[in-house]
Amino acid sequence: MSWLWAIILGLILGVLARVILPGKQAIPIWLTIIFGVLGALLGNAVASWIGVADTRGIDWVRHLLQLGGAVLIVALGTPLWGSVRGRKTR
């Protein structure tokens, strides 16, 4: 069941990252999910490094770090995907 939640969270974070970033990201939905999952893992790692991984209530800081990680991964991964596929991206 945890894999299902990881996929759902990856989809949500990946889509939010694509909405936040300017321009069009020419990546498929499966790559959006993978980038979202990687961003969540990056955000969790940063949250544990700074000591805010486990707090009482809703972990807003951790969730914002996960979203920031997803934005970073989508921003860096989209041009790489375009170069692998032979397309130019903006």
PDB file of N, CA and C in Angstrom:
ATOM      1  N   MET A   1       0.814  -1.197   0.000  1.00  0.00           N
ATOM      2  CA  MET A   1       0.000   0.000   0.000  1.00  0.00           C
ATOM      3  C   MET A   1       0.861   1.265   0.000  1.00  0.00           C
ATOM      4  N   SER A   2       2.068   1.189   0.570  1.00  0.00           N
ATOM      5  CA  SER A   2       2.911   2.377   0.606  1.00  0.00           C
ATOM      6  C   SER A   2       3.364   2.782  -0.802  1.00  0.00           C
ATOM      7  N   TRP A   3       3.499   1.821  -1.714  1.00  0.00           N
ATOM      8  CA  TRP A   3       3.862   2.162  -3.097  1.00  0.00           C
ATOM      9  C   TRP A   3       2.743   2.949  -3.768  1.00  0.00           C
ATOM     10  N   LEU A   4       1.500   2.584  -3.461  1.00  0.00           N
ATOM     11  CA  LEU A   4       0.367   3.310  -4.025  1.00  0.00           C
ATOM     12  C   LEU A   4       0.375   4.761  -3.542  1.00  0.00           C
ATOM     13  N   TRP A   5       0.632   4.964  -2.236  1.00  0.00           N
ATOM     14  CA  TRP A   5       0.696   6.322  -1.706  1.00  0.00           C
ATOM     15  C   TRP A   5       1.864   7.103  -2.299  1.00  0.00           C
ATOM     16  N   ALA A   6       2.985   6.435  -2.528  1.00  0.00           N
ATOM     17  CA  ALA A   6       4.135   7.101  -3.144  1.00  0.00           C
ATOM     18  C   ALA A   6       3.796   7.556  -4.555  1.00  0.00           C
ATOM     19  N   ILE A   7       3.074   6.737  -5.302  1.00  0.00           N
ATOM     20  CA  ILE A   7       2.674   7.108  -6.665  1.00  0.00           C
ATOM     21  C   ILE A   7       1.692   8.271  -6.640  1.00  0.00           C
ATOM     22  N   ILE A   8       0.716   8.214  -5.730  1.00  0.00           N
ATOM     23  CA  ILE A   8      -0.268   9.301  -5.635  1.00  0.00           C
ATOM     24  C   ILE A   8       0.416  10.603  -5.226  1.00  0.00           C
ATOM     25  N   LEU A   9       1.291  10.531  -4.208  1.00  0.00           N
ATOM     26  CA  LEU A   9       2.014  11.727  -3.777  1.00  0.00           C
ATOM     27  C   LEU A   9       2.916  12.245  -4.889  1.00  0.00           C
ATOM     28  N   GLY A  10       3.586  11.335  -5.599  1.00  0.00           N
ATOM     29  CA  GLY A  10       4.438  11.745  -6.714  1.00  0.00           C
ATOM     30  C   GLY A  10       3.652  12.442  -7.806  1.00  0.00           C
ATOM     31  N   LEU A  11       2.459  11.927  -8.099  1.00  0.00           N
ATOM     32  CA  LEU A  11       1.608  12.566  -9.111  1.00  0.00           C
ATOM     33  C   LEU A  11       1.207  13.963  -8.667  1.00  0.00           C
ATOM     34  N   ILE A  12       0.769  14.100  -7.420  1.00  0.00           N
ATOM     35  CA  ILE A  12       0.329  15.406  -6.922  1.00  0.00           C
ATOM     36  C   ILE A  12       1.496  16.400  -6.916  1.00  0.00           C
ATOM     37  N   LEU A  13       2.638  15.992  -6.366  1.00  0.00           N
ATOM     38  CA  LEU A  13       3.786  16.898  -6.303  1.00  0.00           C
ATOM     39  C   LEU A  13       4.318  17.227  -7.692  1.00  0.00           C
ATOM     40  N   GLY A  14       4.369  16.238  -8.580  1.00  0.00           N
ATOM     41  CA  GLY A  14       4.850  16.477  -9.938  1.00  0.00           C
ATOM     42  C   GLY A  14       3.966  17.446 -10.699  1.00  0.00           C
ATOM     43  N   VAL A  15       2.658  17.270 -10.579  1.00  0.00           N
ATOM     44  CA  VAL A  15       1.722  18.168 -11.269  1.00  0.00           C
ATOM     45  C   VAL A  15       1.809  19.576 -10.682  1.00  0.00           C
ATOM     46  N   LEU A  16       1.882  19.678  -9.349  1.00  0.00           N
ATOM     47  CA  LEU A  16       2.024  21.007  -8.737  1.00  0.00           C
ATOM     48  C   LEU A  16       3.323  21.681  -9.169  1.00  0.00           C
ATOM     49  N   ALA A  17       4.390  20.911  -9.261  1.00  0.00           N
ATOM     50  CA  ALA A  17       5.672  21.476  -9.707  1.00  0.00           C
ATOM     51  C   ALA A  17       5.565  21.975 -11.138  1.00  0.00           C
ATOM     52  N   ARG A  18       4.881  21.224 -11.992  1.00  0.00           N
ATOM     53  CA  ARG A  18       4.717  21.661 -13.389  1.00  0.00           C
ATOM     54  C   ARG A  18       3.866  22.917 -13.478  1.00  0.00           C
ATOM     55  N   VAL A  19       2.888  23.060 -12.580  1.00  0.00           N
ATOM     56  CA  VAL A  19       2.048  24.257 -12.568  1.00  0.00           C
ATOM     57  C   VAL A  19       2.848  25.467 -12.086  1.00  0.00           C
ATOM     58  N   ILE A  20       3.707  25.253 -11.095  1.00  0.00           N
ATOM     59  CA  ILE A  20       4.491  26.353 -10.531  1.00  0.00           C
ATOM     60  C   ILE A  20       5.537  26.860 -11.516  1.00  0.00           C
ATOM     61  N   LEU A  21       6.175  25.950 -12.242  1.00  0.00           N
ATOM     62  CA  LEU A  21       7.225  26.347 -13.182  1.00  0.00           C
ATOM     63  C   LEU A  21       6.634  27.061 -14.403  1.00  0.00           C
ATOM     64  N   PRO A  22       7.289  28.127 -14.864  1.00  0.00           N
ATOM     65  CA  PRO A  22       6.783  28.815 -16.051  1.00  0.00           C
ATOM     66  C   PRO A  22       7.043  28.006 -17.316  1.00  0.00           C
ATOM     67  N   GLY A  23       6.209  28.202 -18.298  1.00  0.00           N
ATOM     68  CA  GLY A  23       6.375  27.517 -19.582  1.00  0.00           C
ATOM     69  C   GLY A  23       5.791  26.121 -19.562  1.00  0.00           C
ATOM     70  N   LYS A  24       5.969  25.445 -20.678  1.00  0.00           N
ATOM     71  CA  LYS A  24       5.433  24.095 -20.820  1.00  0.00           C
ATOM     72  C   LYS A  24       6.540  23.081 -20.593  1.00  0.00           C
ATOM     73  N   GLN A  25       6.260  22.091 -19.773  1.00  0.00           N
ATOM     74  CA  GLN A  25       7.196  21.002 -19.551  1.00  0.00           C
ATOM     75  C   GLN A  25       6.744  19.825 -20.410  1.00  0.00           C
ATOM     76  N   ALA A  26       7.526  19.514 -21.413  1.00  0.00           N
ATOM     77  CA  ALA A  26       7.171  18.449 -22.365  1.00  0.00           C
ATOM     78  C   ALA A  26       7.678  17.109 -21.853  1.00  0.00           C
ATOM     79  N   ILE A  27       7.083  16.657 -20.740  1.00  0.00           N
ATOM     80  CA  ILE A  27       7.442  15.353 -20.181  1.00  0.00           C
ATOM     81  C   ILE A  27       6.162  14.540 -20.017  1.00  0.00           C
ATOM     82  N   PRO A  28       6.256  13.226 -20.160  1.00  0.00           N
ATOM     83  CA  PRO A  28       5.063  12.389 -20.000  1.00  0.00           C
ATOM     84  C   PRO A  28       4.630  12.289 -18.536  1.00  0.00           C
ATOM     85  N   ILE A  29       3.412  11.815 -18.326  1.00  0.00           N
ATOM     86  CA  ILE A  29       2.849  11.740 -16.972  1.00  0.00           C
ATOM     87  C   ILE A  29       3.638  10.769 -16.095  1.00  0.00           C
ATOM     88  N   TRP A  30       4.144   9.676 -16.675  1.00  0.00           N
ATOM     89  CA  TRP A  30       4.895   8.722 -15.852  1.00  0.00           C
ATOM     90  C   TRP A  30       6.185   9.355 -15.338  1.00  0.00           C
ATOM     91  N   LEU A  31       6.797  10.228 -16.138  1.00  0.00           N
ATOM     92  CA  LEU A  31       8.008  10.911 -15.699  1.00  0.00           C
ATOM     93  C   LEU A  31       7.667  11.995 -14.674  1.00  0.00           C
ATOM     94  N   THR A  32       6.504  12.598 -14.805  1.00  0.00           N
ATOM     95  CA  THR A  32       6.034  13.560 -13.812  1.00  0.00           C
ATOM     96  C   THR A  32       5.902  12.879 -12.456  1.00  0.00           C
ATOM     97  N   ILE A  33       5.357  11.667 -12.449  1.00  0.00           N
ATOM     98  CA  ILE A  33       5.204  10.912 -11.198  1.00  0.00           C
ATOM     99  C   ILE A  33       6.573  10.580 -10.607  1.00  0.00           C
ATOM    100  N   ILE A  34       7.488  10.115 -11.444  1.00  0.00           N
ATOM    101  CA  ILE A  34       8.829   9.772 -10.956  1.00  0.00           C
ATOM    102  C   ILE A  34       9.530  11.009 -10.405  1.00  0.00           C
ATOM    103  N   PHE A  35       9.449  12.128 -11.116  1.00  0.00           N
ATOM    104  CA  PHE A  35      10.057  13.365 -10.625  1.00  0.00           C
ATOM    105  C   PHE A  35       9.419  13.799  -9.307  1.00  0.00           C
ATOM    106  N   GLY A  36       8.096  13.628  -9.177  1.00  0.00           N
ATOM    107  CA  GLY A  36       7.410  13.974  -7.933  1.00  0.00           C
ATOM    108  C   GLY A  36       7.859  13.103  -6.777  1.00  0.00           C
ATOM    109  N   VAL A  37       8.027  11.809  -7.018  1.00  0.00           N
ATOM    110  CA  VAL A  37       8.501  10.894  -5.971  1.00  0.00           C
ATOM    111  C   VAL A  37       9.930  11.254  -5.569  1.00  0.00           C
ATOM    112  N   LEU A  38      10.791  11.524  -6.558  1.00  0.00           N
ATOM    113  CA  LEU A  38      12.166  11.925  -6.255  1.00  0.00           C
ATOM    114  C   LEU A  38      12.204  13.240  -5.474  1.00  0.00           C
ATOM    115  N   GLY A  39      11.330  14.168  -5.830  1.00  0.00           N
ATOM    116  CA  GLY A  39      11.245  15.434  -5.096  1.00  0.00           C
ATOM    117  C   GLY A  39      10.793  15.224  -3.661  1.00  0.00           C
ATOM    118  N   ALA A  40       9.856  14.296  -3.451  1.00  0.00           N
ATOM    119  CA  ALA A  40       9.406  13.990  -2.091  1.00  0.00           C
ATOM    120  C   ALA A  40      10.539  13.381  -1.283  1.00  0.00           C
ATOM    121  N   LEU A  41      11.304  12.490  -1.889  1.00  0.00           N
ATOM    122  CA  LEU A  41      12.446  11.892  -1.189  1.00  0.00           C
ATOM    123  C   LEU A  41      13.489  12.956  -0.851  1.00  0.00           C
ATOM    124  N   LEU A  42      13.750  13.855  -1.789  1.00  0.00           N
ATOM    125  CA  LEU A  42      14.699  14.942  -1.540  1.00  0.00           C
ATOM    126  C   LEU A  42      14.201  15.848  -0.418  1.00  0.00           C
ATOM    127  N   GLY A  43      12.927  16.194  -0.450  1.00  0.00           N
ATOM    128  CA  GLY A  43      12.345  17.039   0.606  1.00  0.00           C
ATOM    129  C   GLY A  43      12.386  16.375   1.964  1.00  0.00           C
ATOM    130  N   ASN A  44      12.124  15.056   2.007  1.00  0.00           N
ATOM    131  CA  ASN A  44      12.209  14.334   3.278  1.00  0.00           C
ATOM    132  C   ASN A  44      13.639  14.313   3.811  1.00  0.00           C
ATOM    133  N   ALA A  45      14.606  14.133   2.921  1.00  0.00           N
ATOM    134  CA  ALA A  45      16.007  14.117   3.347  1.00  0.00           C
ATOM    135  C   ALA A  45      16.404  15.474   3.922  1.00  0.00           C
ATOM    136  N   VAL A  46      16.023  16.544   3.249  1.00  0.00           N
ATOM    137  CA  VAL A  46      16.354  17.884   3.741  1.00  0.00           C
ATOM    138  C   VAL A  46      15.641  18.143   5.072  1.00  0.00           C
ATOM    139  N   ALA A  47      14.392  17.693   5.186  1.00  0.00           N
ATOM    140  CA  ALA A  47      13.652  17.882   6.439  1.00  0.00           C
ATOM    141  C   ALA A  47      14.330  17.168   7.596  1.00  0.00           C
ATOM    142  N   SER A  48      14.845  15.957   7.358  1.00  0.00           N
ATOM    143  CA  SER A  48      15.539  15.271   8.453  1.00  0.00           C
ATOM    144  C   SER A  48      16.882  15.917   8.757  1.00  0.00           C
ATOM    145  N   TRP A  49      17.556  16.458   7.743  1.00  0.00           N
ATOM    146  CA  TRP A  49      18.840  17.126   7.981  1.00  0.00           C
ATOM    147  C   TRP A  49      18.672  18.364   8.851  1.00  0.00           C
ATOM    148  N   ILE A  50      17.571  19.096   8.647  1.00  0.00           N
ATOM    149  CA  ILE A  50      17.381  20.322   9.434  1.00  0.00           C
ATOM    150  C   ILE A  50      16.536  20.080  10.689  1.00  0.00           C
ATOM    151  N   GLY A  51      16.089  18.840  10.886  1.00  0.00           N
ATOM    152  CA  GLY A  51      15.407  18.480  12.122  1.00  0.00           C
ATOM    153  C   GLY A  51      13.926  18.761  12.177  1.00  0.00           C
ATOM    154  N   VAL A  52      13.256  18.834  11.047  1.00  0.00           N
ATOM    155  CA  VAL A  52      11.809  19.080  11.054  1.00  0.00           C
ATOM    156  C   VAL A  52      11.029  17.930  10.413  1.00  0.00           C
ATOM    157  N   ALA A  53      11.618  16.749  10.372  1.00  0.00           N
ATOM    158  CA  ALA A  53      10.956  15.625   9.716  1.00  0.00           C
ATOM    159  C   ALA A  53       9.747  15.143  10.508  1.00  0.00           C
ATOM    160  N   ASP A  54       9.839  15.130  11.833  1.00  0.00           N
ATOM    161  CA  ASP A  54       8.737  14.652  12.669  1.00  0.00           C
ATOM    162  C   ASP A  54       8.327  15.741  13.647  1.00  0.00           C
ATOM    163  N   THR A  55       7.178  16.314  13.391  1.00  0.00           N
ATOM    164  CA  THR A  55       6.637  17.328  14.280  1.00  0.00           C
ATOM    165  C   THR A  55       5.220  16.938  14.653  1.00  0.00           C
ATOM    166  N   ARG A  56       4.664  17.622  15.613  1.00  0.00           N
ATOM    167  CA  ARG A  56       3.266  17.367  15.973  1.00  0.00           C
ATOM    168  C   ARG A  56       2.356  17.996  14.930  1.00  0.00           C
ATOM    169  N   GLY A  57       1.249  17.333  14.667  1.00  0.00           N
ATOM    170  CA  GLY A  57       0.284  17.867  13.713  1.00  0.00           C
ATOM    171  C   GLY A  57       0.734  17.659  12.274  1.00  0.00           C
ATOM    172  N   ILE A  58       0.337  18.569  11.417  1.00  0.00           N
ATOM    173  CA  ILE A  58       0.676  18.483   9.999  1.00  0.00           C
ATOM    174  C   ILE A  58       2.080  19.043   9.799  1.00  0.00           C
ATOM    175  N   ASP A  59       2.890  18.317   9.094  1.00  0.00           N
ATOM    176  CA  ASP A  59       4.280  18.720   8.858  1.00  0.00           C
ATOM    177  C   ASP A  59       4.358  19.664   7.653  1.00  0.00           C
ATOM    178  N   TRP A  60       3.953  20.909   7.845  1.00  0.00           N
ATOM    179  CA  TRP A  60       3.899  21.861   6.736  1.00  0.00           C
ATOM    180  C   TRP A  60       5.269  22.128   6.149  1.00  0.00           C
ATOM    181  N   VAL A  61       6.267  22.243   7.008  1.00  0.00           N
ATOM    182  CA  VAL A  61       7.618  22.526   6.519  1.00  0.00           C
ATOM    183  C   VAL A  61       8.109  21.372   5.655  1.00  0.00           C
ATOM    184  N   ARG A  62       7.882  20.153   6.108  1.00  0.00           N
ATOM    185  CA  ARG A  62       8.304  18.983   5.328  1.00  0.00           C
ATOM    186  C   ARG A  62       7.579  18.936   3.994  1.00  0.00           C
ATOM    187  N   HIS A  63       6.285  19.245   4.000  1.00  0.00           N
ATOM    188  CA  HIS A  63       5.525  19.224   2.749  1.00  0.00           C
ATOM    189  C   HIS A  63       6.006  20.313   1.787  1.00  0.00           C
ATOM    190  N   LEU A  64       6.326  21.478   2.304  1.00  0.00           N
ATOM    191  CA  LEU A  64       6.862  22.540   1.439  1.00  0.00           C
ATOM    192  C   LEU A  64       8.239  22.171   0.894  1.00  0.00           C
ATOM    193  N   LEU A  65       9.045  21.493   1.708  1.00  0.00           N
ATOM    194  CA  LEU A  65      10.342  21.034   1.221  1.00  0.00           C
ATOM    195  C   LEU A  65      10.178  19.961   0.144  1.00  0.00           C
ATOM    196  N   GLN A  66       9.170  19.094   0.291  1.00  0.00           N
ATOM    197  CA  GLN A  66       8.899  18.089  -0.729  1.00  0.00           C
ATOM    198  C   GLN A  66       8.483  18.754  -2.037  1.00  0.00           C
ATOM    199  N   LEU A  67       7.626  19.765  -1.939  1.00  0.00           N
ATOM    200  CA  LEU A  67       7.210  20.489  -3.143  1.00  0.00           C
ATOM    201  C   LEU A  67       8.393  21.208  -3.773  1.00  0.00           C
ATOM    202  N   GLY A  68       9.228  21.826  -2.953  1.00  0.00           N
ATOM    203  CA  GLY A  68      10.426  22.484  -3.479  1.00  0.00           C
ATOM    204  C   GLY A  68      11.361  21.497  -4.158  1.00  0.00           C
ATOM    205  N   GLY A  69      11.491  20.315  -3.581  1.00  0.00           N
ATOM    206  CA  GLY A  69      12.308  19.273  -4.207  1.00  0.00           C
ATOM    207  C   GLY A  69      11.728  18.839  -5.543  1.00  0.00           C
ATOM    208  N   ALA A  70      10.403  18.715  -5.604  1.00  0.00           N
ATOM    209  CA  ALA A  70       9.767  18.337  -6.864  1.00  0.00           C
ATOM    210  C   ALA A  70       9.951  19.415  -7.922  1.00  0.00           C
ATOM    211  N   VAL A  71       9.835  20.676  -7.531  1.00  0.00           N
ATOM    212  CA  VAL A  71      10.053  21.777  -8.479  1.00  0.00           C
ATOM    213  C   VAL A  71      11.480  21.730  -9.005  1.00  0.00           C
ATOM    214  N   LEU A  72      12.434  21.511  -8.115  1.00  0.00           N
ATOM    215  CA  LEU A  72      13.832  21.440  -8.524  1.00  0.00           C
ATOM    216  C   LEU A  72      14.075  20.268  -9.482  1.00  0.00           C
ATOM    217  N   ILE A  73      13.544  19.099  -9.158  1.00  0.00           N
ATOM    218  CA  ILE A  73      13.746  17.918  -9.995  1.00  0.00           C
ATOM    219  C   ILE A  73      13.072  18.098 -11.358  1.00  0.00           C
ATOM    220  N   VAL A  74      11.865  18.653 -11.388  1.00  0.00           N
ATOM    221  CA  VAL A  74      11.187  18.878 -12.672  1.00  0.00           C
ATOM    222  C   VAL A  74      11.939  19.923 -13.487  1.00  0.00           C
ATOM    223  N   ALA A  75      12.419  20.984 -12.823  1.00  0.00           N
ATOM    224  CA  ALA A  75      13.156  22.030 -13.542  1.00  0.00           C
ATOM    225  C   ALA A  75      14.458  21.500 -14.139  1.00  0.00           C
ATOM    226  N   LEU A  76      15.126  20.617 -13.418  1.00  0.00           N
ATOM    227  CA  LEU A  76      16.382  20.062 -13.929  1.00  0.00           C
ATOM    228  C   LEU A  76      16.153  18.884 -14.876  1.00  0.00           C
ATOM    229  N   GLY A  77      15.114  18.119 -14.628  1.00  0.00           N
ATOM    230  CA  GLY A  77      14.874  16.906 -15.414  1.00  0.00           C
ATOM    231  C   GLY A  77      14.229  17.142 -16.764  1.00  0.00           C
ATOM    232  N   THR A  78      13.437  18.192 -16.896  1.00  0.00           N
ATOM    233  CA  THR A  78      12.749  18.450 -18.161  1.00  0.00           C
ATOM    234  C   THR A  78      13.721  18.711 -19.310  1.00  0.00           C
ATOM    235  N   PRO A  79      14.734  19.575 -19.143  1.00  0.00           N
ATOM    236  CA  PRO A  79      15.689  19.749 -20.245  1.00  0.00           C
ATOM    237  C   PRO A  79      16.484  18.476 -20.543  1.00  0.00           C
ATOM    238  N   LEU A  80      16.786  17.700 -19.514  1.00  0.00           N
ATOM    239  CA  LEU A  80      17.484  16.435 -19.744  1.00  0.00           C
ATOM    240  C   LEU A  80      16.626  15.478 -20.566  1.00  0.00           C
ATOM    241  N   TRP A  81      15.343  15.411 -20.239  1.00  0.00           N
ATOM    242  CA  TRP A  81      14.424  14.556 -20.990  1.00  0.00           C
ATOM    243  C   TRP A  81      14.331  15.026 -22.438  1.00  0.00           C
ATOM    244  N   GLY A  82      14.279  16.339 -22.648  1.00  0.00           N
ATOM    245  CA  GLY A  82      14.222  16.880 -23.991  1.00  0.00           C
ATOM    246  C   GLY A  82      15.475  16.557 -24.802  1.00  0.00           C
ATOM    247  N   SER A  83      16.630  16.610 -24.150  1.00  0.00           N
ATOM    248  CA  SER A  83      17.864  16.296 -24.874  1.00  0.00           C
ATOM    249  C   SER A  83      17.975  14.809 -25.180  1.00  0.00           C
ATOM    250  N   VAL A  84      17.460  13.978 -24.298  1.00  0.00           N
ATOM    251  CA  VAL A  84      17.458  12.526 -24.554  1.00  0.00           C
ATOM    252  C   VAL A  84      16.519  12.210 -25.707  1.00  0.00           C
ATOM    253  N   ARG A  85      15.387  12.873 -25.744  1.00  0.00           N
ATOM    254  CA  ARG A  85      14.386  12.632 -26.789  1.00  0.00           C
ATOM    255  C   ARG A  85      14.706  13.389 -28.083  1.00  0.00           C
ATOM    256  N   GLY A  86      15.705  14.250 -28.064  1.00  0.00           N
ATOM    257  CA  GLY A  86      16.098  14.978 -29.263  1.00  0.00           C
ATOM    258  C   GLY A  86      15.269  16.213 -29.534  1.00  0.00           C
ATOM    259  N   ARG A  87      14.575  16.719 -28.506  1.00  0.00           N
ATOM    260  CA  ARG A  87      13.771  17.928 -28.666  1.00  0.00           C
ATOM    261  C   ARG A  87      14.421  19.065 -27.928  1.00  0.00           C
ATOM    262  N   LYS A  88      14.218  20.254 -28.441  1.00  0.00           N
ATOM    263  CA  LYS A  88      14.698  21.433 -27.745  1.00  0.00           C
ATOM    264  C   LYS A  88      13.604  21.893 -26.787  1.00  0.00           C
ATOM    265  N   THR A  89      14.023  22.267 -25.574  1.00  0.00           N
ATOM    266  CA  THR A  89      13.083  22.809 -24.599  1.00  0.00           C
ATOM    267  C   THR A  89      13.508  24.206 -24.243  1.00  0.00           C
ATOM    268  N   ARG A  90      12.533  25.008 -23.766  1.00  0.00           N
ATOM    269  CA  ARG A  90      12.839  26.367 -23.371  1.00  0.00           C
ATOM    270  C   ARG A  90      13.229  26.405 -21.943  1.00  0.00           C
TER     271      ARG A  90
END
